[in-house]
Amino acid sequence: MIRNYLRRIGFYLFLGLAPHLPAAEAPRTFNLPADSAEKTLKLFSEQSGHGLIMGAAAVGATRTNRVSGEFTAPEALARMLAGTGFVAKQDEKSGAFVVY
């Protein structure tokens, strides 16, 4: 029980918060497979350079969409989450995304 609690807390803080990035973000190359949200959201954070906050219990066994190509981070994340029931919002100060 404590282990699950700590895991959830870790997921909320997962990868911390990225430094503030300029509003006009250049597109990046993303190669995100269709897989469990837990795995692909981590991979998104690594490829985008943005922090990401989410609840492990919330994403559960949700599968995300494959995203491949040149996109800004918000575009890639929106495509990845399309049809999953989850949405992402970017924090203006830190540049990190919150998935809910």
C-alpha atoms as a PDB file:
ATOM      1  CA  MET A   1       0.000   0.000   0.000  1.00  0.00           C
ATOM      2  CA  ILE A   2       2.741   2.451   0.942  1.00  0.00           C
ATOM      3  CA  ARG A   3       4.666   1.378  -2.139  1.00  0.00           C
ATOM      4  CA  ASN A   4       1.704   2.240  -4.399  1.00  0.00           C
ATOM      5  CA  TYR A   5       1.270   5.570  -2.642  1.00  0.00           C
ATOM      6  CA  LEU A   6       4.932   6.453  -3.142  1.00  0.00           C
ATOM      7  CA  ARG A   7       4.704   5.378  -6.761  1.00  0.00           C
ATOM      8  CA  ARG A   8       1.740   7.698  -7.314  1.00  0.00           C
ATOM      9  CA  ILE A   9       3.527  10.596  -5.631  1.00  0.00           C
ATOM     10  CA  GLY A  10       6.578   9.924  -7.788  1.00  0.00           C
ATOM     11  CA  PHE A  11       4.437   9.955 -10.883  1.00  0.00           C
ATOM     12  CA  TYR A  12       2.933  13.306  -9.948  1.00  0.00           C
ATOM     13  CA  LEU A  13       6.411  14.708  -9.630  1.00  0.00           C
ATOM     14  CA  PHE A  14       7.661  12.623 -12.549  1.00  0.00           C
ATOM     15  CA  LEU A  15      10.552  14.348 -14.264  1.00  0.00           C
ATOM     16  CA  GLY A  16      10.028  17.549 -12.314  1.00  0.00           C
ATOM     17  CA  LEU A  17       9.288  20.806 -14.011  1.00  0.00           C
ATOM     18  CA  ALA A  18      11.180  21.953 -17.067  1.00  0.00           C
ATOM     19  CA  PRO A  19      12.589  25.466 -17.218  1.00  0.00           C
ATOM     20  CA  HIS A  20      10.386  28.087 -18.826  1.00  0.00           C
ATOM     21  CA  LEU A  21      10.548  27.878 -22.591  1.00  0.00           C
ATOM     22  CA  PRO A  22       9.696  30.614 -25.090  1.00  0.00           C
ATOM     23  CA  ALA A  23       6.085  30.701 -26.313  1.00  0.00           C
ATOM     24  CA  ALA A  24       7.084  30.214 -29.961  1.00  0.00           C
ATOM     25  CA  GLU A  25       8.387  26.678 -29.782  1.00  0.00           C
ATOM     26  CA  ALA A  26      10.042  25.126 -32.815  1.00  0.00           C
ATOM     27  CA  PRO A  27       8.748  21.755 -34.022  1.00  0.00           C
ATOM     28  CA  ARG A  28      10.710  18.679 -32.985  1.00  0.00           C
ATOM     29  CA  THR A  29      10.852  15.167 -34.344  1.00  0.00           C
ATOM     30  CA  PHE A  30       8.706  12.780 -32.337  1.00  0.00           C
ATOM     31  CA  ASN A  31       8.692   9.003 -32.556  1.00  0.00           C
ATOM     32  CA  LEU A  32       6.129   7.817 -30.017  1.00  0.00           C
ATOM     33  CA  PRO A  33       4.689   4.308 -30.388  1.00  0.00           C
ATOM     34  CA  ALA A  34       1.124   3.340 -29.561  1.00  0.00           C
ATOM     35  CA  ASP A  35       1.566   1.847 -26.088  1.00  0.00           C
ATOM     36  CA  SER A  36       0.526   2.235 -22.469  1.00  0.00           C
ATOM     37  CA  ALA A  37       0.152   5.852 -21.378  1.00  0.00           C
ATOM     38  CA  GLU A  38       2.559   5.257 -18.522  1.00  0.00           C
ATOM     39  CA  LYS A  39       5.347   4.392 -20.982  1.00  0.00           C
ATOM     40  CA  THR A  40       4.543   6.838 -23.766  1.00  0.00           C
ATOM     41  CA  LEU A  41       4.077   9.863 -21.527  1.00  0.00           C
ATOM     42  CA  LYS A  42       7.574   9.294 -20.128  1.00  0.00           C
ATOM     43  CA  LEU A  43       8.898   8.987 -23.651  1.00  0.00           C
ATOM     44  CA  PHE A  44       7.052  12.155 -24.691  1.00  0.00           C
ATOM     45  CA  SER A  45       8.702  14.040 -21.827  1.00  0.00           C
ATOM     46  CA  GLU A  46      12.143  12.814 -22.886  1.00  0.00           C
ATOM     47  CA  GLN A  47      11.622  13.668 -26.566  1.00  0.00           C
ATOM     48  CA  SER A  48       9.973  17.044 -25.953  1.00  0.00           C
ATOM     49  CA  GLY A  49      12.264  18.286 -23.190  1.00  0.00           C
ATOM     50  CA  HIS A  50       9.196  19.249 -21.126  1.00  0.00           C
ATOM     51  CA  GLY A  51       8.296  18.079 -17.642  1.00  0.00           C
ATOM     52  CA  LEU A  52       5.039  16.207 -17.295  1.00  0.00           C
ATOM     53  CA  ILE A  53       2.749  15.771 -14.302  1.00  0.00           C
ATOM     54  CA  MET A  54       0.092  13.071 -14.135  1.00  0.00           C
ATOM     55  CA  GLY A  55      -1.378  10.506 -11.809  1.00  0.00           C
ATOM     56  CA  ALA A  56      -0.333   6.906 -12.394  1.00  0.00           C
ATOM     57  CA  ALA A  57      -3.701   5.703 -11.162  1.00  0.00           C
ATOM     58  CA  ALA A  58      -5.468   8.079 -13.536  1.00  0.00           C
ATOM     59  CA  VAL A  59      -3.792   6.808 -16.706  1.00  0.00           C
ATOM     60  CA  GLY A  60      -4.030   3.152 -15.648  1.00  0.00           C
ATOM     61  CA  ALA A  61      -4.107   0.830 -18.647  1.00  0.00           C
ATOM     62  CA  THR A  62      -4.921   3.594 -21.157  1.00  0.00           C
ATOM     63  CA  ARG A  63      -3.230   3.181 -24.534  1.00  0.00           C
ATOM     64  CA  THR A  64      -2.064   6.218 -26.452  1.00  0.00           C
ATOM     65  CA  ASN A  65      -1.834   6.830 -30.183  1.00  0.00           C
ATOM     66  CA  ARG A  66       1.310   6.577 -32.272  1.00  0.00           C
ATOM     67  CA  VAL A  67       2.856   9.943 -33.141  1.00  0.00           C
ATOM     68  CA  SER A  68       5.634  10.215 -35.679  1.00  0.00           C
ATOM     69  CA  GLY A  69       6.889  13.330 -37.410  1.00  0.00           C
ATOM     70  CA  GLU A  70       7.601  17.015 -36.858  1.00  0.00           C
ATOM     71  CA  PHE A  71       5.334  18.703 -34.295  1.00  0.00           C
ATOM     72  CA  THR A  72       5.504  21.204 -31.488  1.00  0.00           C
ATOM     73  CA  ALA A  73       5.252  19.542 -28.074  1.00  0.00           C
ATOM     74  CA  PRO A  74       1.597  20.596 -27.535  1.00  0.00           C
ATOM     75  CA  GLU A  75       0.635  19.260 -30.984  1.00  0.00           C
ATOM     76  CA  ALA A  76       2.385  15.931 -30.413  1.00  0.00           C
ATOM     77  CA  LEU A  77       0.822  15.474 -26.981  1.00  0.00           C
ATOM     78  CA  ALA A  78      -2.666  16.327 -28.273  1.00  0.00           C
ATOM     79  CA  ARG A  79      -2.301  13.762 -31.080  1.00  0.00           C
ATOM     80  CA  MET A  80      -0.994  11.161 -28.655  1.00  0.00           C
ATOM     81  CA  LEU A  81      -3.933  11.646 -26.258  1.00  0.00           C
ATOM     82  CA  ALA A  82      -6.686  12.007 -28.918  1.00  0.00           C
ATOM     83  CA  GLY A  83      -9.566   9.662 -28.166  1.00  0.00           C
ATOM     84  CA  THR A  84      -8.212   8.564 -24.772  1.00  0.00           C
ATOM     85  CA  GLY A  85     -10.404  10.846 -22.676  1.00  0.00           C
ATOM     86  CA  PHE A  86      -7.317  12.654 -21.364  1.00  0.00           C
ATOM     87  CA  VAL A  87      -6.279  16.206 -22.111  1.00  0.00           C
ATOM     88  CA  ALA A  88      -3.110  18.130 -21.394  1.00  0.00           C
ATOM     89  CA  LYS A  89      -2.595  21.686 -20.315  1.00  0.00           C
ATOM     90  CA  GLN A  90       0.744  23.476 -20.387  1.00  0.00           C
ATOM     91  CA  ASP A  91       1.825  25.583 -17.432  1.00  0.00           C
ATOM     92  CA  GLU A  92       2.864  28.995 -18.747  1.00  0.00           C
ATOM     93  CA  LYS A  93       5.539  29.554 -16.096  1.00  0.00           C
ATOM     94  CA  SER A  94       7.368  26.224 -16.162  1.00  0.00           C
ATOM     95  CA  GLY A  95       6.471  24.895 -19.609  1.00  0.00           C
ATOM     96  CA  ALA A  96       5.510  21.566 -17.999  1.00  0.00           C
ATOM     97  CA  PHE A  97       2.352  19.724 -19.019  1.00  0.00           C
ATOM     98  CA  VAL A  98      -0.375  18.461 -16.714  1.00  0.00           C
ATOM     99  CA  VAL A  99      -2.336  15.467 -18.032  1.00  0.00           C
ATOM    100  CA  TYR A 100      -5.800  14.962 -16.595  1.00  0.00           C
END
